[in-house]
Amino acid sequence: MRKSLIIFYALIIYALAELIWWGVLLIEVQPERQTMILGEGAVFIFLFFTGAYHLHKTLNKERMLKEQQKNFLLSVTHELKSPLASIKLYIQTILKRNLDKEQIHSFLNNSLKDIERLDDLVENMLLATRIENHSYSFPKEKFNLTEVIRSVASRLQIHTCSSQIIKLNVEPDIYITGDRFALTLVVSNLIENAVKYSPPCEEIAVELKRTPLEVSFTVADKGIGIKDEEKFRIFEKFYRVGSEDTRKTKGTGLGLYIVKQVLDKHLAFIKVKNNRPAGSIFEVTFNTDGH
């Protein structure tokens, strides 16, 4: 890609130099037409640079996309290897050592949670692909969002620091109509992001409440936060915020992309706000008219 950019810039400089040289020659041959030549040359240069600018943006976008895809593949490899290595170690320990029933149960339980983590990763990748290919239909049904949030929070709590709290403040039996599978991934991605980007043992607040016109689902963390200029880009596919802290944190860059795409299909809205004194708040609003 770098070689392509160098060739592109060299062609731009060469074409511009040639244009100016031919303009000078025309004026020398026909000085009485100088005004017309300069006018037409100015228009041509304007169009030339406009096209060059848009081509430059396209090349840069392609370069960035390739870099993001490369980072995505590296991230997926790491995301797959880590739980697989953990599961392998648990099973080898069970087979090679004489463990009591409680230890075996604990190891199997931890292995099951790593399998669920792998399942989430695969489901995210499959759903992202199907959304992009317009091959997913988002089947609708009425389901209990309260139960979904409690289930996801309970599962993710075990992966956190022993003293970390995913604090739930959810109203009971709140039902919405939508794609249960896709919206479960939305809940999982938002809570997992809060866990992922928060310091150890920090509190994560998860709320669900209902008004006559809407249902509000909020996840607030006390993590690294998101800069204002990046709040508009975090829902792009493969995009990850540019701090070193974030790059060192595991992730594929698909989670928030899926969140935004799924919520758009449900005519729901998501806002990103700064938490105080640190962190981020993701607020999802479902319109309940007709539900």
C-alpha atoms as a PDB file:
ATOM      1  CA  MET A   1       0.000   0.000   0.000  1.00  0.00           C
ATOM      2  CA  ARG A   2       2.875   2.392   0.779  1.00  0.00           C
ATOM      3  CA  LYS A   3       4.372   1.749  -2.663  1.00  0.00           C
ATOM      4  CA  SER A   4       0.993   2.510  -4.255  1.00  0.00           C
ATOM      5  CA  LEU A   5       0.800   5.843  -2.412  1.00  0.00           C
ATOM      6  CA  ILE A   6       4.313   6.798  -3.528  1.00  0.00           C
ATOM      7  CA  ILE A   7       3.444   6.021  -7.155  1.00  0.00           C
ATOM      8  CA  PHE A   8       0.179   7.952  -6.784  1.00  0.00           C
ATOM      9  CA  TYR A   9       1.910  11.080  -5.447  1.00  0.00           C
ATOM     10  CA  ALA A  10       4.635  10.834  -8.119  1.00  0.00           C
ATOM     11  CA  LEU A  11       1.985  10.717 -10.865  1.00  0.00           C
ATOM     12  CA  ILE A  12       0.201  13.711  -9.354  1.00  0.00           C
ATOM     13  CA  ILE A  13       3.405  15.781  -9.319  1.00  0.00           C
ATOM     14  CA  TYR A  14       4.331  14.677 -12.852  1.00  0.00           C
ATOM     15  CA  ALA A  15       0.854  15.440 -14.252  1.00  0.00           C
ATOM     16  CA  LEU A  16       0.808  18.875 -12.600  1.00  0.00           C
ATOM     17  CA  ALA A  17       4.285  19.734 -13.898  1.00  0.00           C
ATOM     18  CA  GLU A  18       3.293  18.661 -17.412  1.00  0.00           C
ATOM     19  CA  LEU A  19       0.112  20.737 -17.250  1.00  0.00           C
ATOM     20  CA  ILE A  20       1.986  23.866 -16.191  1.00  0.00           C
ATOM     21  CA  TRP A  21       4.655  23.294 -18.871  1.00  0.00           C
ATOM     22  CA  TRP A  22       2.065  22.899 -21.644  1.00  0.00           C
ATOM     23  CA  GLY A  23       0.266  25.999 -20.384  1.00  0.00           C
ATOM     24  CA  VAL A  24       3.464  28.036 -20.584  1.00  0.00           C
ATOM     25  CA  LEU A  25       4.137  26.783 -24.117  1.00  0.00           C
ATOM     26  CA  LEU A  26       0.574  27.640 -25.253  1.00  0.00           C
ATOM     27  CA  ILE A  27       0.830  31.157 -23.856  1.00  0.00           C
ATOM     28  CA  GLU A  28       4.168  31.671 -25.657  1.00  0.00           C
ATOM     29  CA  VAL A  29       2.653  30.500 -28.956  1.00  0.00           C
ATOM     30  CA  GLN A  30      -0.676  32.356 -28.538  1.00  0.00           C
ATOM     31  CA  PRO A  31      -0.150  35.221 -26.041  1.00  0.00           C
ATOM     32  CA  GLU A  32      -3.457  36.829 -27.092  1.00  0.00           C
ATOM     33  CA  ARG A  33      -5.316  33.826 -25.615  1.00  0.00           C
ATOM     34  CA  GLN A  34      -3.518  34.012 -22.264  1.00  0.00           C
ATOM     35  CA  THR A  35      -6.675  34.788 -20.251  1.00  0.00           C
ATOM     36  CA  MET A  36      -8.607  31.876 -21.750  1.00  0.00           C
ATOM     37  CA  ILE A  37      -5.684  29.480 -21.281  1.00  0.00           C
ATOM     38  CA  LEU A  38      -5.234  30.516 -17.636  1.00  0.00           C
ATOM     39  CA  GLY A  39      -8.986  30.251 -16.974  1.00  0.00           C
ATOM     40  CA  GLU A  40      -9.327  26.814 -18.502  1.00  0.00           C
ATOM     41  CA  GLY A  41      -6.121  25.721 -16.797  1.00  0.00           C
ATOM     42  CA  ALA A  42      -7.434  26.869 -13.427  1.00  0.00           C
ATOM     43  CA  VAL A  43     -10.674  24.921 -13.919  1.00  0.00           C
ATOM     44  CA  PHE A  44      -8.739  21.835 -14.995  1.00  0.00           C
ATOM     45  CA  ILE A  45      -6.371  22.105 -12.007  1.00  0.00           C
ATOM     46  CA  PHE A  46      -9.346  22.480  -9.648  1.00  0.00           C
ATOM     47  CA  LEU A  47     -11.035  19.367 -11.072  1.00  0.00           C
ATOM     48  CA  PHE A  48      -7.723  17.545 -11.114  1.00  0.00           C
ATOM     49  CA  PHE A  49      -7.015  18.251  -7.444  1.00  0.00           C
ATOM     50  CA  THR A  50     -10.614  17.468  -6.448  1.00  0.00           C
ATOM     51  CA  GLY A  51     -10.322  14.036  -8.054  1.00  0.00           C
ATOM     52  CA  ALA A  52      -6.855  13.526  -6.588  1.00  0.00           C
ATOM     53  CA  TYR A  53      -8.139  14.435  -3.112  1.00  0.00           C
ATOM     54  CA  HIS A  54     -10.996  11.939  -3.258  1.00  0.00           C
ATOM     55  CA  LEU A  55      -8.686   9.266  -4.649  1.00  0.00           C
ATOM     56  CA  HIS A  56      -6.242   9.998  -1.828  1.00  0.00           C
ATOM     57  CA  LYS A  57      -9.052   9.573   0.733  1.00  0.00           C
ATOM     58  CA  THR A  58     -10.075   6.270  -0.864  1.00  0.00           C
ATOM     59  CA  LEU A  59      -6.501   4.942  -0.763  1.00  0.00           C
ATOM     60  CA  ASN A  60      -6.108   6.003   2.860  1.00  0.00           C
ATOM     61  CA  LYS A  61      -9.425   4.388   3.772  1.00  0.00           C
ATOM     62  CA  GLU A  62      -8.335   1.175   2.064  1.00  0.00           C
ATOM     63  CA  ARG A  63      -5.018   1.267   3.921  1.00  0.00           C
ATOM     64  CA  MET A  64      -6.755   1.778   7.255  1.00  0.00           C
ATOM     65  CA  LEU A  65      -9.234  -1.015   6.520  1.00  0.00           C
ATOM     66  CA  LYS A  66      -6.388  -3.408   5.712  1.00  0.00           C
ATOM     67  CA  GLU A  67      -4.659  -2.465   8.959  1.00  0.00           C
ATOM     68  CA  GLN A  68      -7.875  -2.959  10.928  1.00  0.00           C
ATOM     69  CA  GLN A  69      -8.467  -6.341   9.295  1.00  0.00           C
ATOM     70  CA  LYS A  70      -4.907  -7.366  10.139  1.00  0.00           C
ATOM     71  CA  ASN A  71      -5.413  -6.316  13.768  1.00  0.00           C
ATOM     72  CA  PHE A  72      -8.754  -8.139  13.772  1.00  0.00           C
ATOM     73  CA  LEU A  73      -7.148 -11.402  12.668  1.00  0.00           C
ATOM     74  CA  LEU A  74      -4.452 -11.061  15.336  1.00  0.00           C
ATOM     75  CA  SER A  75      -7.093 -10.292  17.965  1.00  0.00           C
ATOM     76  CA  VAL A  76      -9.291 -13.232  16.955  1.00  0.00           C
ATOM     77  CA  THR A  77      -6.297 -15.564  17.088  1.00  0.00           C
ATOM     78  CA  HIS A  78      -5.544 -14.403  20.615  1.00  0.00           C
ATOM     79  CA  GLU A  79      -9.195 -14.532  21.645  1.00  0.00           C
ATOM     80  CA  LEU A  80      -9.453 -18.127  20.435  1.00  0.00           C
ATOM     81  CA  LYS A  81      -6.149 -19.371  21.826  1.00  0.00           C
ATOM     82  CA  SER A  82      -6.583 -17.989  25.331  1.00  0.00           C
ATOM     83  CA  PRO A  83      -9.791 -19.836  26.355  1.00  0.00           C
ATOM     84  CA  LEU A  84      -8.718 -22.967  24.443  1.00  0.00           C
ATOM     85  CA  ALA A  85      -5.452 -23.075  26.362  1.00  0.00           C
ATOM     86  CA  SER A  86      -7.356 -22.582  29.606  1.00  0.00           C
ATOM     87  CA  ILE A  87      -9.824 -25.390  28.818  1.00  0.00           C
ATOM     88  CA  LYS A  88      -6.970 -27.696  27.823  1.00  0.00           C
ATOM     89  CA  LEU A  89      -5.148 -27.008  31.083  1.00  0.00           C
ATOM     90  CA  TYR A  90      -8.264 -27.667  33.184  1.00  0.00           C
ATOM     91  CA  ILE A  91      -8.978 -30.976  31.443  1.00  0.00           C
ATOM     92  CA  GLN A  92      -5.344 -32.116  31.621  1.00  0.00           C
ATOM     93  CA  THR A  93      -5.305 -31.331  35.343  1.00  0.00           C
ATOM     94  CA  ILE A  94      -8.495 -33.332  35.909  1.00  0.00           C
ATOM     95  CA  LEU A  95      -7.081 -36.316  33.980  1.00  0.00           C
ATOM     96  CA  LYS A  96      -3.597 -36.300  35.515  1.00  0.00           C
ATOM     97  CA  ARG A  97      -4.358 -35.513  39.147  1.00  0.00           C
ATOM     98  CA  ASN A  98      -6.461 -37.150  41.787  1.00  0.00           C
ATOM     99  CA  LEU A  99      -8.824 -34.287  42.533  1.00  0.00           C
ATOM    100  CA  ASP A 100     -11.767 -34.283  44.876  1.00  0.00           C
ATOM    101  CA  LYS A 101     -15.310 -33.790  43.612  1.00  0.00           C
ATOM    102  CA  GLU A 102     -15.404 -30.101  44.535  1.00  0.00           C
ATOM    103  CA  GLN A 103     -12.199 -29.322  42.625  1.00  0.00           C
ATOM    104  CA  ILE A 104     -13.399 -31.231  39.563  1.00  0.00           C
ATOM    105  CA  HIS A 105     -16.687 -29.347  39.659  1.00  0.00           C
ATOM    106  CA  SER A 106     -14.850 -26.020  39.914  1.00  0.00           C
ATOM    107  CA  PHE A 107     -12.541 -26.842  36.982  1.00  0.00           C
ATOM    108  CA  LEU A 108     -15.427 -28.033  34.806  1.00  0.00           C
ATOM    109  CA  ASN A 109     -17.428 -24.930  35.703  1.00  0.00           C
ATOM    110  CA  ASN A 110     -14.514 -22.684  34.688  1.00  0.00           C
ATOM    111  CA  SER A 111     -14.105 -24.663  31.458  1.00  0.00           C
ATOM    112  CA  LEU A 112     -17.787 -24.177  30.690  1.00  0.00           C
ATOM    113  CA  LYS A 113     -17.425 -20.415  31.092  1.00  0.00           C
ATOM    114  CA  ASP A 114     -14.471 -20.376  28.710  1.00  0.00           C
ATOM    115  CA  ILE A 115     -16.595 -22.326  26.223  1.00  0.00           C
ATOM    116  CA  GLU A 116     -19.344 -19.704  26.622  1.00  0.00           C
ATOM    117  CA  ARG A 117     -16.736 -17.014  25.934  1.00  0.00           C
ATOM    118  CA  LEU A 118     -15.742 -18.826  22.739  1.00  0.00           C
ATOM    119  CA  ASP A 119     -19.398 -19.173  21.819  1.00  0.00           C
ATOM    120  CA  ASP A 120     -19.921 -15.414  22.225  1.00  0.00           C
ATOM    121  CA  LEU A 121     -16.915 -14.709  19.998  1.00  0.00           C
ATOM    122  CA  VAL A 122     -18.146 -17.037  17.252  1.00  0.00           C
ATOM    123  CA  GLU A 123     -21.700 -15.669  17.459  1.00  0.00           C
ATOM    124  CA  ASN A 124     -20.372 -12.107  17.167  1.00  0.00           C
ATOM    125  CA  MET A 125     -18.371 -12.942  14.057  1.00  0.00           C
ATOM    126  CA  LEU A 126     -21.227 -14.848  12.431  1.00  0.00           C
ATOM    127  CA  LEU A 127     -23.782 -12.141  13.161  1.00  0.00           C
ATOM    128  CA  ALA A 128     -21.459  -9.368  11.918  1.00  0.00           C
ATOM    129  CA  THR A 129     -20.947 -11.277   8.656  1.00  0.00           C
ATOM    130  CA  ARG A 130     -24.663 -11.923   8.169  1.00  0.00           C
ATOM    131  CA  ILE A 131     -25.541  -8.293   8.922  1.00  0.00           C
ATOM    132  CA  GLU A 132     -22.989  -7.069   6.377  1.00  0.00           C
ATOM    133  CA  ASN A 133     -24.287  -9.532   3.782  1.00  0.00           C
ATOM    134  CA  HIS A 134     -27.923  -8.562   4.535  1.00  0.00           C
ATOM    135  CA  SER A 135     -28.703 -12.241   5.137  1.00  0.00           C
ATOM    136  CA  TYR A 136     -30.031 -11.939   8.691  1.00  0.00           C
ATOM    137  CA  SER A 137     -33.769 -11.345   9.118  1.00  0.00           C
ATOM    138  CA  PHE A 138     -33.937 -10.309  12.818  1.00  0.00           C
ATOM    139  CA  PRO A 139     -36.932 -12.474  13.821  1.00  0.00           C
ATOM    140  CA  LYS A 140     -39.138 -10.756  16.419  1.00  0.00           C
ATOM    141  CA  GLU A 141     -40.692 -12.176  19.561  1.00  0.00           C
ATOM    142  CA  LYS A 142     -41.825 -10.852  22.933  1.00  0.00           C
ATOM    143  CA  PHE A 143     -39.309 -11.738  25.650  1.00  0.00           C
ATOM    144  CA  ASN A 144     -38.258 -10.800  29.182  1.00  0.00           C
ATOM    145  CA  LEU A 145     -35.349  -8.358  28.888  1.00  0.00           C
ATOM    146  CA  THR A 146     -34.906  -8.337  32.678  1.00  0.00           C
ATOM    147  CA  GLU A 147     -34.110 -12.061  32.681  1.00  0.00           C
ATOM    148  CA  VAL A 148     -31.657 -11.664  29.785  1.00  0.00           C
ATOM    149  CA  ILE A 149     -29.737  -8.905  31.583  1.00  0.00           C
ATOM    150  CA  ARG A 150     -29.623 -10.829  34.862  1.00  0.00           C
ATOM    151  CA  SER A 151     -28.393 -13.970  33.106  1.00  0.00           C
ATOM    152  CA  VAL A 152     -25.643 -12.152  31.175  1.00  0.00           C
ATOM    153  CA  ALA A 153     -24.507 -10.189  34.233  1.00  0.00           C
ATOM    154  CA  SER A 154     -24.371 -13.340  36.350  1.00  0.00           C
ATOM    155  CA  ARG A 155     -22.210 -15.108  33.767  1.00  0.00           C
ATOM    156  CA  LEU A 156     -19.804 -12.211  33.278  1.00  0.00           C
ATOM    157  CA  GLN A 157     -19.501 -11.513  36.995  1.00  0.00           C
ATOM    158  CA  ILE A 158     -17.599 -14.764  37.474  1.00  0.00           C
ATOM    159  CA  HIS A 159     -14.900 -13.678  35.004  1.00  0.00           C
ATOM    160  CA  THR A 160     -14.217 -10.518  36.986  1.00  0.00           C
ATOM    161  CA  CYS A 161     -12.137  -9.766  40.056  1.00  0.00           C
ATOM    162  CA  SER A 162     -13.472 -11.569  43.109  1.00  0.00           C
ATOM    163  CA  SER A 163     -14.297  -8.262  44.758  1.00  0.00           C
ATOM    164  CA  GLN A 164     -15.572  -6.520  41.627  1.00  0.00           C
ATOM    165  CA  ILE A 165     -19.291  -5.874  41.549  1.00  0.00           C
ATOM    166  CA  ILE A 166     -21.598  -5.778  38.566  1.00  0.00           C
ATOM    167  CA  LYS A 167     -24.287  -3.841  40.374  1.00  0.00           C
ATOM    168  CA  LEU A 168     -27.733  -4.567  38.983  1.00  0.00           C
ATOM    169  CA  ASN A 169     -30.626  -2.169  39.347  1.00  0.00           C
ATOM    170  CA  VAL A 170     -33.213  -3.683  37.019  1.00  0.00           C
ATOM    171  CA  GLU A 171     -36.968  -3.482  37.238  1.00  0.00           C
ATOM    172  CA  PRO A 172     -38.633  -6.917  37.220  1.00  0.00           C
ATOM    173  CA  ASP A 173     -40.403  -8.458  34.230  1.00  0.00           C
ATOM    174  CA  ILE A 174     -39.777  -5.817  31.585  1.00  0.00           C
ATOM    175  CA  TYR A 175     -40.821  -7.286  28.247  1.00  0.00           C
ATOM    176  CA  ILE A 176     -39.904  -5.946  24.818  1.00  0.00           C
ATOM    177  CA  THR A 177     -40.514  -7.223  21.289  1.00  0.00           C
ATOM    178  CA  GLY A 178     -37.415  -7.954  19.239  1.00  0.00           C
ATOM    179  CA  ASP A 179     -34.787 -10.474  18.223  1.00  0.00           C
ATOM    180  CA  ARG A 180     -33.908 -12.169  21.518  1.00  0.00           C
ATOM    181  CA  PHE A 181     -30.663 -13.668  20.178  1.00  0.00           C
ATOM    182  CA  ALA A 182     -29.322 -10.413  18.684  1.00  0.00           C
ATOM    183  CA  LEU A 183     -30.392  -8.277  21.661  1.00  0.00           C
ATOM    184  CA  THR A 184     -28.768 -10.749  24.063  1.00  0.00           C
ATOM    185  CA  LEU A 185     -25.515 -10.114  22.174  1.00  0.00           C
ATOM    186  CA  VAL A 186     -26.105  -6.366  22.597  1.00  0.00           C
ATOM    187  CA  VAL A 187     -26.453  -6.769  26.365  1.00  0.00           C
ATOM    188  CA  SER A 188     -23.457  -9.111  26.521  1.00  0.00           C
ATOM    189  CA  ASN A 189     -21.206  -6.852  24.437  1.00  0.00           C
ATOM    190  CA  LEU A 190     -22.015  -3.714  26.434  1.00  0.00           C
ATOM    191  CA  ILE A 191     -21.524  -5.335  29.853  1.00  0.00           C
ATOM    192  CA  GLU A 192     -18.421  -7.239  28.737  1.00  0.00           C
ATOM    193  CA  ASN A 193     -16.896  -4.022  27.374  1.00  0.00           C
ATOM    194  CA  ALA A 194     -17.491  -2.352  30.738  1.00  0.00           C
ATOM    195  CA  VAL A 195     -15.770  -5.257  32.497  1.00  0.00           C
ATOM    196  CA  LYS A 196     -12.953  -5.384  29.940  1.00  0.00           C
ATOM    197  CA  TYR A 197     -12.007  -1.714  30.056  1.00  0.00           C
ATOM    198  CA  SER A 198     -12.445  -1.146  33.794  1.00  0.00           C
ATOM    199  CA  PRO A 199      -9.630  -1.400  36.353  1.00  0.00           C
ATOM    200  CA  PRO A 200      -9.730  -4.484  38.589  1.00  0.00           C
ATOM    201  CA  CYS A 201     -12.353  -4.438  41.320  1.00  0.00           C
ATOM    202  CA  GLU A 202     -14.198  -1.337  40.053  1.00  0.00           C
ATOM    203  CA  GLU A 203     -17.994  -1.207  40.167  1.00  0.00           C
ATOM    204  CA  ILE A 204     -20.049  -1.500  36.984  1.00  0.00           C
ATOM    205  CA  ALA A 205     -23.614  -0.217  37.215  1.00  0.00           C
ATOM    206  CA  VAL A 206     -26.264  -1.888  35.049  1.00  0.00           C
ATOM    207  CA  GLU A 207     -29.765  -0.400  35.080  1.00  0.00           C
ATOM    208  CA  LEU A 208     -33.036  -1.236  33.378  1.00  0.00           C
ATOM    209  CA  LYS A 209     -36.162   0.860  33.818  1.00  0.00           C
ATOM    210  CA  ARG A 210     -39.430   1.504  32.064  1.00  0.00           C
ATOM    211  CA  THR A 211     -41.561   4.598  31.459  1.00  0.00           C
ATOM    212  CA  PRO A 212     -44.918   4.705  29.657  1.00  0.00           C
ATOM    213  CA  LEU A 213     -43.175   5.428  26.342  1.00  0.00           C
ATOM    214  CA  GLU A 214     -39.763   3.766  26.524  1.00  0.00           C
ATOM    215  CA  VAL A 215     -37.446   1.204  28.080  1.00  0.00           C
ATOM    216  CA  SER A 216     -33.994   2.410  29.117  1.00  0.00           C
ATOM    217  CA  PHE A 217     -30.996   0.096  29.524  1.00  0.00           C
ATOM    218  CA  THR A 218     -27.788   1.659  30.882  1.00  0.00           C
ATOM    219  CA  VAL A 219     -24.273   0.338  31.501  1.00  0.00           C
ATOM    220  CA  ALA A 220     -21.882   2.646  33.382  1.00  0.00           C
ATOM    221  CA  ASP A 221     -18.228   1.866  34.096  1.00  0.00           C
ATOM    222  CA  LYS A 222     -15.318   3.631  35.776  1.00  0.00           C
ATOM    223  CA  GLY A 223     -12.757   2.654  33.184  1.00  0.00           C
ATOM    224  CA  ILE A 224     -10.463   4.507  30.791  1.00  0.00           C
ATOM    225  CA  GLY A 225     -13.265   6.496  29.136  1.00  0.00           C
ATOM    226  CA  ILE A 226     -13.668   7.517  25.497  1.00  0.00           C
ATOM    227  CA  LYS A 227     -12.471  10.779  23.985  1.00  0.00           C
ATOM    228  CA  ASP A 228     -15.167  13.011  22.487  1.00  0.00           C
ATOM    229  CA  GLU A 229     -13.634  12.855  19.005  1.00  0.00           C
ATOM    230  CA  GLU A 230     -13.764   9.049  19.077  1.00  0.00           C
ATOM    231  CA  LYS A 231     -17.344   8.681  20.300  1.00  0.00           C
ATOM    232  CA  PHE A 232     -18.555   8.961  16.694  1.00  0.00           C
ATOM    233  CA  ARG A 233     -16.241   6.183  15.468  1.00  0.00           C
ATOM    234  CA  ILE A 234     -16.487   3.484  18.125  1.00  0.00           C
ATOM    235  CA  PHE A 235     -19.442   1.847  16.350  1.00  0.00           C
ATOM    236  CA  GLU A 236     -17.462   1.359  13.121  1.00  0.00           C
ATOM    237  CA  LYS A 237     -16.497  -2.176  12.191  1.00  0.00           C
ATOM    238  CA  PHE A 238     -13.049  -3.178  13.527  1.00  0.00           C
ATOM    239  CA  TYR A 239     -12.529   0.261  15.091  1.00  0.00           C
ATOM    240  CA  ARG A 240     -10.871   0.388  18.497  1.00  0.00           C
ATOM    241  CA  VAL A 241     -10.040   3.571  20.357  1.00  0.00           C
ATOM    242  CA  GLY A 242      -6.461   4.651  19.925  1.00  0.00           C
ATOM    243  CA  SER A 243      -4.990   4.599  23.409  1.00  0.00           C
ATOM    244  CA  GLU A 244      -2.332   2.061  24.270  1.00  0.00           C
ATOM    245  CA  ASP A 245      -4.433   0.853  27.201  1.00  0.00           C
ATOM    246  CA  THR A 246      -7.180  -0.150  24.818  1.00  0.00           C
ATOM    247  CA  ARG A 247      -4.918  -1.771  22.257  1.00  0.00           C
ATOM    248  CA  LYS A 248      -3.462  -4.016  24.954  1.00  0.00           C
ATOM    249  CA  THR A 249      -6.954  -5.073  25.990  1.00  0.00           C
ATOM    250  CA  LYS A 250      -8.330  -8.129  24.253  1.00  0.00           C
ATOM    251  CA  GLY A 251     -11.082  -7.562  21.735  1.00  0.00           C
ATOM    252  CA  THR A 252     -11.957  -7.833  18.054  1.00  0.00           C
ATOM    253  CA  GLY A 253     -13.530  -4.448  17.312  1.00  0.00           C
ATOM    254  CA  LEU A 254     -16.837  -6.121  16.405  1.00  0.00           C
ATOM    255  CA  GLY A 255     -18.797  -5.735  19.640  1.00  0.00           C
ATOM    256  CA  LEU A 256     -19.965  -2.127  19.366  1.00  0.00           C
ATOM    257  CA  TYR A 257     -20.432  -2.459  15.602  1.00  0.00           C
ATOM    258  CA  ILE A 258     -22.913  -5.270  16.255  1.00  0.00           C
ATOM    259  CA  VAL A 259     -24.560  -3.264  19.043  1.00  0.00           C
ATOM    260  CA  LYS A 260     -25.237  -0.318  16.725  1.00  0.00           C
ATOM    261  CA  GLN A 261     -26.416  -2.438  13.786  1.00  0.00           C
ATOM    262  CA  VAL A 262     -28.804  -4.494  15.927  1.00  0.00           C
ATOM    263  CA  LEU A 263     -30.238  -1.440  17.685  1.00  0.00           C
ATOM    264  CA  ASP A 264     -30.757   0.339  14.359  1.00  0.00           C
ATOM    265  CA  LYS A 265     -32.791  -2.645  13.146  1.00  0.00           C
ATOM    266  CA  HIS A 266     -34.943  -2.346  16.292  1.00  0.00           C
ATOM    267  CA  LEU A 267     -35.359   1.439  15.878  1.00  0.00           C
ATOM    268  CA  ALA A 268     -33.602   1.844  19.217  1.00  0.00           C
ATOM    269  CA  PHE A 269     -31.080   4.541  20.126  1.00  0.00           C
ATOM    270  CA  ILE A 270     -27.742   4.432  21.917  1.00  0.00           C
ATOM    271  CA  LYS A 271     -25.924   7.345  23.539  1.00  0.00           C
ATOM    272  CA  VAL A 272     -22.353   7.449  24.853  1.00  0.00           C
ATOM    273  CA  LYS A 273     -21.691   9.819  27.742  1.00  0.00           C
ATOM    274  CA  ASN A 274     -18.808  10.503  30.090  1.00  0.00           C
ATOM    275  CA  ASN A 275     -19.081   9.045  33.565  1.00  0.00           C
ATOM    276  CA  ARG A 276     -17.900  10.996  36.586  1.00  0.00           C
ATOM    277  CA  PRO A 277     -15.161  11.060  37.738  1.00  0.00           C
ATOM    278  CA  ALA A 278     -13.995   8.536  35.107  1.00  0.00           C
ATOM    279  CA  GLY A 279     -15.351   6.031  32.644  1.00  0.00           C
ATOM    280  CA  SER A 280     -18.218   5.847  30.159  1.00  0.00           C
ATOM    281  CA  ILE A 281     -21.987   5.434  30.179  1.00  0.00           C
ATOM    282  CA  PHE A 282     -23.800   3.614  27.374  1.00  0.00           C
ATOM    283  CA  GLU A 283     -27.524   4.325  27.375  1.00  0.00           C
ATOM    284  CA  VAL A 284     -29.879   2.334  25.135  1.00  0.00           C
ATOM    285  CA  THR A 285     -33.473   3.468  24.621  1.00  0.00           C
ATOM    286  CA  PHE A 286     -36.240   1.271  23.187  1.00  0.00           C
ATOM    287  CA  ASN A 287     -39.451   2.890  22.037  1.00  0.00           C
ATOM    288  CA  THR A 288     -42.305   0.822  23.495  1.00  0.00           C
ATOM    289  CA  ASP A 289     -45.174   2.244  21.422  1.00  0.00           C
ATOM    290  CA  GLY A 290     -47.219  -0.680  20.266  1.00  0.00           C
ATOM    291  CA  HIS A 291     -45.284  -3.259  22.335  1.00  0.00           C
END
